[in-house]
């Protein structure tokens, strides 16, 4: 049982390390990247559960924002320019 958890963790560590390194090389310019991209990727792979939780949190926040903007669209006319009618 412990061995299967260790193997699963090692596989996820390897996948996260490779994906982080590939994404980092794809998204950064040569002068903007970290000083040691491989070590940074290995560290990200070691803490992959935290990386996965961060990705899930960012996705959930994105969904919440899109739902809120869908439910409450921004006004097309500013409040100051809108006609105000007093209620009796």
N, C-alpha and C. Protein backbone atom coordinates (compact mmCIF):
# COMPACT_ATOMS: atom_id res chain seq x y z
N UNK A 1 0.82 -1.19 0.00
CA UNK A 1 0.00 0.00 0.00
C UNK A 1 0.86 1.26 0.00
N UNK A 2 1.85 1.30 0.91
CA UNK A 2 2.74 2.45 0.97
C UNK A 2 3.54 2.56 -0.31
N UNK A 3 3.90 1.41 -0.86
CA UNK A 3 4.69 1.43 -2.09
C UNK A 3 3.88 2.03 -3.24
N UNK A 4 2.59 1.73 -3.33
CA UNK A 4 1.77 2.29 -4.40
C UNK A 4 1.63 3.81 -4.24
N UNK A 5 1.51 4.29 -3.00
CA UNK A 5 1.47 5.73 -2.77
C UNK A 5 2.78 6.39 -3.17
N UNK A 6 3.89 5.74 -2.84
CA UNK A 6 5.20 6.29 -3.18
C UNK A 6 5.39 6.34 -4.70
N UNK A 7 4.95 5.32 -5.39
CA UNK A 7 5.06 5.29 -6.84
C UNK A 7 4.17 6.37 -7.46
N UNK A 8 2.95 6.51 -6.95
CA UNK A 8 2.04 7.54 -7.46
C UNK A 8 2.60 8.94 -7.23
N UNK A 9 3.18 9.16 -6.06
CA UNK A 9 3.77 10.46 -5.76
C UNK A 9 4.97 10.73 -6.67
N UNK A 10 5.80 9.71 -6.90
CA UNK A 10 6.97 9.88 -7.76
C UNK A 10 6.56 10.15 -9.21
N UNK A 11 5.53 9.48 -9.67
CA UNK A 11 5.05 9.72 -11.04
C UNK A 11 4.49 11.14 -11.16
N UNK A 12 3.70 11.55 -10.20
CA UNK A 12 3.15 12.91 -10.23
C UNK A 12 4.26 13.94 -10.10
N UNK A 13 5.27 13.66 -9.30
CA UNK A 13 6.42 14.55 -9.15
C UNK A 13 7.12 14.71 -10.50
N UNK A 14 7.36 13.61 -11.19
CA UNK A 14 8.04 13.65 -12.48
C UNK A 14 7.21 14.42 -13.51
N UNK A 15 5.92 14.12 -13.58
CA UNK A 15 5.05 14.81 -14.54
C UNK A 15 4.99 16.31 -14.26
N UNK A 16 4.85 16.68 -13.01
CA UNK A 16 4.78 18.10 -12.65
C UNK A 16 6.10 18.79 -12.96
N UNK A 17 7.21 18.14 -12.71
CA UNK A 17 8.51 18.73 -13.00
C UNK A 17 8.66 18.98 -14.50
N UNK A 18 8.33 17.99 -15.31
CA UNK A 18 8.47 18.13 -16.76
C UNK A 18 7.52 19.19 -17.29
N UNK A 19 6.27 19.17 -16.84
CA UNK A 19 5.29 20.15 -17.32
C UNK A 19 5.66 21.57 -16.88
N UNK A 20 6.15 21.73 -15.66
CA UNK A 20 6.56 23.04 -15.18
C UNK A 20 7.75 23.57 -15.98
N UNK A 21 8.70 22.72 -16.25
CA UNK A 21 9.87 23.13 -17.03
C UNK A 21 9.46 23.52 -18.45
N UNK A 22 8.62 22.71 -19.08
CA UNK A 22 8.18 23.00 -20.44
C UNK A 22 7.35 24.29 -20.49
N UNK A 23 6.45 24.46 -19.54
CA UNK A 23 5.62 25.67 -19.51
C UNK A 23 6.47 26.89 -19.22
N UNK A 24 7.41 26.77 -18.30
CA UNK A 24 8.29 27.89 -17.99
C UNK A 24 9.13 28.31 -19.18
N UNK A 25 9.64 27.36 -19.92
CA UNK A 25 10.42 27.69 -21.12
C UNK A 25 9.55 28.29 -22.21
N UNK A 26 8.32 27.85 -22.29
CA UNK A 26 7.42 28.35 -23.33
C UNK A 26 6.93 29.77 -23.03
N UNK A 27 6.68 30.07 -21.76
CA UNK A 27 6.05 31.34 -21.41
C UNK A 27 7.03 32.46 -21.04
N UNK A 28 8.30 32.17 -20.87
CA UNK A 28 9.23 33.21 -20.46
C UNK A 28 10.21 33.54 -21.58
N UNK A 29 10.71 34.75 -21.52
CA UNK A 29 11.78 35.16 -22.42
C UNK A 29 13.09 34.66 -21.83
N UNK A 30 14.13 34.68 -22.60
CA UNK A 30 15.41 34.17 -22.12
C UNK A 30 15.95 34.94 -20.93
N UNK A 31 15.78 36.25 -20.91
CA UNK A 31 16.33 37.06 -19.82
C UNK A 31 15.40 37.13 -18.61
N UNK A 32 14.14 36.75 -18.77
CA UNK A 32 13.17 36.90 -17.69
C UNK A 32 13.02 35.64 -16.84
N UNK A 33 13.56 34.53 -17.26
CA UNK A 33 13.36 33.27 -16.55
C UNK A 33 14.15 33.21 -15.25
N UNK A 34 13.87 32.21 -14.43
CA UNK A 34 14.62 32.06 -13.18
C UNK A 34 16.07 31.69 -13.47
N UNK A 35 16.92 31.90 -12.49
CA UNK A 35 18.35 31.62 -12.67
C UNK A 35 18.59 30.12 -12.87
N UNK A 36 17.82 29.30 -12.19
CA UNK A 36 17.97 27.84 -12.29
C UNK A 36 16.62 27.22 -12.60
N UNK A 37 16.20 27.20 -13.87
CA UNK A 37 14.85 26.71 -14.19
C UNK A 37 14.64 25.24 -13.86
N UNK A 38 15.69 24.43 -13.97
CA UNK A 38 15.52 23.00 -13.68
C UNK A 38 15.29 22.80 -12.18
N UNK A 39 16.06 23.51 -11.34
CA UNK A 39 15.85 23.38 -9.89
C UNK A 39 14.49 23.91 -9.47
N UNK A 40 14.05 25.00 -10.11
CA UNK A 40 12.73 25.53 -9.82
C UNK A 40 11.65 24.51 -10.19
N UNK A 41 11.81 23.85 -11.32
CA UNK A 41 10.85 22.85 -11.75
C UNK A 41 10.86 21.63 -10.84
N UNK A 42 12.05 21.23 -10.37
CA UNK A 42 12.14 20.10 -9.45
C UNK A 42 11.44 20.44 -8.13
N UNK A 43 11.64 21.67 -7.66
CA UNK A 43 10.96 22.08 -6.43
C UNK A 43 9.45 22.09 -6.63
N UNK A 44 8.98 22.61 -7.78
CA UNK A 44 7.54 22.61 -8.06
C UNK A 44 7.01 21.18 -8.14
N UNK A 45 7.83 20.28 -8.67
CA UNK A 45 7.41 18.88 -8.72
C UNK A 45 7.32 18.26 -7.34
N UNK A 46 8.22 18.68 -6.44
CA UNK A 46 8.20 18.12 -5.09
C UNK A 46 6.96 18.54 -4.32
N UNK A 47 6.47 19.73 -4.60
CA UNK A 47 5.29 20.24 -3.89
C UNK A 47 4.06 20.20 -4.80
N UNK A 48 3.98 19.18 -5.66
CA UNK A 48 2.90 19.13 -6.64
C UNK A 48 1.51 19.15 -6.04
N UNK A 49 1.26 18.61 -4.86
CA UNK A 49 -0.11 18.74 -4.34
C UNK A 49 -0.51 20.20 -4.12
N UNK A 50 0.44 21.02 -3.69
CA UNK A 50 0.14 22.44 -3.48
C UNK A 50 -0.07 23.13 -4.83
N UNK A 51 0.70 22.74 -5.84
CA UNK A 51 0.54 23.30 -7.18
C UNK A 51 -0.84 22.96 -7.72
N UNK A 52 -1.25 21.71 -7.54
CA UNK A 52 -2.58 21.29 -8.02
C UNK A 52 -3.68 22.05 -7.28
N UNK A 53 -3.55 22.22 -5.97
CA UNK A 53 -4.56 22.98 -5.22
C UNK A 53 -4.61 24.43 -5.69
N UNK A 54 -3.46 25.03 -5.99
CA UNK A 54 -3.43 26.39 -6.51
C UNK A 54 -4.11 26.51 -7.85
N UNK A 55 -3.90 25.53 -8.73
CA UNK A 55 -4.56 25.55 -10.04
C UNK A 55 -6.08 25.39 -9.88
N UNK A 56 -6.49 24.53 -8.98
CA UNK A 56 -7.93 24.35 -8.74
C UNK A 56 -8.53 25.64 -8.18
N UNK A 57 -7.84 26.27 -7.24
CA UNK A 57 -8.34 27.52 -6.66
C UNK A 57 -8.45 28.62 -7.71
N UNK A 58 -7.43 28.75 -8.56
CA UNK A 58 -7.47 29.76 -9.61
C UNK A 58 -8.61 29.48 -10.60
N UNK A 59 -8.84 28.22 -10.91
CA UNK A 59 -9.94 27.87 -11.82
C UNK A 59 -11.29 28.19 -11.21
N UNK A 60 -11.45 27.87 -9.94
CA UNK A 60 -12.73 28.15 -9.27
C UNK A 60 -12.97 29.66 -9.20
N UNK A 61 -11.95 30.43 -8.89
CA UNK A 61 -12.12 31.89 -8.85
C UNK A 61 -12.46 32.45 -10.22
N UNK A 62 -11.86 31.89 -11.26
CA UNK A 62 -12.19 32.32 -12.62
C UNK A 62 -13.64 32.02 -12.98
N UNK A 63 -14.11 30.85 -12.59
CA UNK A 63 -15.50 30.48 -12.86
C UNK A 63 -16.45 31.39 -12.08
N UNK A 64 -16.13 31.67 -10.83
CA UNK A 64 -16.98 32.54 -10.01
C UNK A 64 -17.06 33.93 -10.62
N UNK A 65 -15.93 34.46 -11.06
CA UNK A 65 -15.92 35.79 -11.68
C UNK A 65 -16.74 35.81 -12.96
N UNK A 66 -16.62 34.77 -13.78
CA UNK A 66 -17.37 34.76 -15.04
C UNK A 66 -18.87 34.62 -14.78
N UNK A 67 -19.24 33.85 -13.76
CA UNK A 67 -20.67 33.71 -13.44
C UNK A 67 -21.22 35.04 -12.91
N UNK A 68 -20.46 35.72 -12.06
CA UNK A 68 -20.93 36.99 -11.52
C UNK A 68 -21.05 38.04 -12.62
N UNK A 69 -20.12 38.06 -13.56
CA UNK A 69 -20.23 39.05 -14.63
C UNK A 69 -21.38 38.69 -15.57
N UNK A 70 -21.72 37.41 -15.67
CA UNK A 70 -22.85 37.01 -16.50
C UNK A 70 -24.17 37.39 -15.82
N UNK A 71 -24.23 37.27 -14.51
CA UNK A 71 -25.46 37.58 -13.80
C UNK A 71 -25.67 39.08 -13.65
N UNK A 72 -24.60 39.84 -13.48
CA UNK A 72 -24.70 41.28 -13.30
C UNK A 72 -23.85 41.98 -14.36
N UNK A 73 -24.40 42.14 -15.56
CA UNK A 73 -23.60 42.81 -16.58
C UNK A 73 -23.38 44.27 -16.23
N UNK A 74 -22.30 44.81 -16.72
CA UNK A 74 -22.01 46.21 -16.43
C UNK A 74 -23.04 47.10 -17.10
N UNK A 75 -23.39 48.21 -16.47
CA UNK A 75 -24.41 49.10 -17.04
C UNK A 75 -23.92 49.73 -18.33
N UNK A 76 -24.86 49.96 -19.24
CA UNK A 76 -24.49 50.59 -20.50
C UNK A 76 -24.55 52.11 -20.40
N UNK A 77 -25.33 52.61 -19.45
CA UNK A 77 -25.46 54.06 -19.25
C UNK A 77 -25.03 54.38 -17.83
N UNK A 78 -24.17 55.37 -17.65
CA UNK A 78 -23.79 55.74 -16.28
C UNK A 78 -24.99 56.19 -15.46
N UNK A 79 -24.91 56.00 -14.17
CA UNK A 79 -26.02 56.32 -13.29
C UNK A 79 -26.34 57.82 -13.35
N UNK A 80 -25.33 58.65 -13.49
CA UNK A 80 -25.57 60.10 -13.53
C UNK A 80 -26.34 60.52 -14.78
N UNK A 81 -26.18 59.77 -15.87
CA UNK A 81 -26.86 60.14 -17.12
C UNK A 81 -28.24 59.50 -17.24
N UNK A 82 -28.56 58.56 -16.38
CA UNK A 82 -29.84 57.89 -16.46
C UNK A 82 -30.95 58.80 -15.91
N UNK A 83 -32.12 58.64 -16.47
CA UNK A 83 -33.27 59.45 -16.02
C UNK A 83 -33.76 58.89 -14.70
N UNK A 84 -33.94 59.80 -13.73
CA UNK A 84 -34.39 59.40 -12.41
C UNK A 84 -35.84 59.82 -12.24
N UNK A 85 -36.69 58.87 -11.87
CA UNK A 85 -38.10 59.16 -11.67
C UNK A 85 -38.41 58.97 -10.19
N UNK A 86 -39.01 60.00 -9.57
CA UNK A 86 -39.37 59.89 -8.15
C UNK A 86 -40.63 59.06 -8.00
N UNK A 87 -40.63 58.24 -7.00
CA UNK A 87 -41.80 57.42 -6.72
C UNK A 87 -42.80 58.21 -5.89
N UNK A 88 -44.10 57.98 -6.12
CA UNK A 88 -45.10 58.75 -5.35
C UNK A 88 -45.15 58.34 -3.90
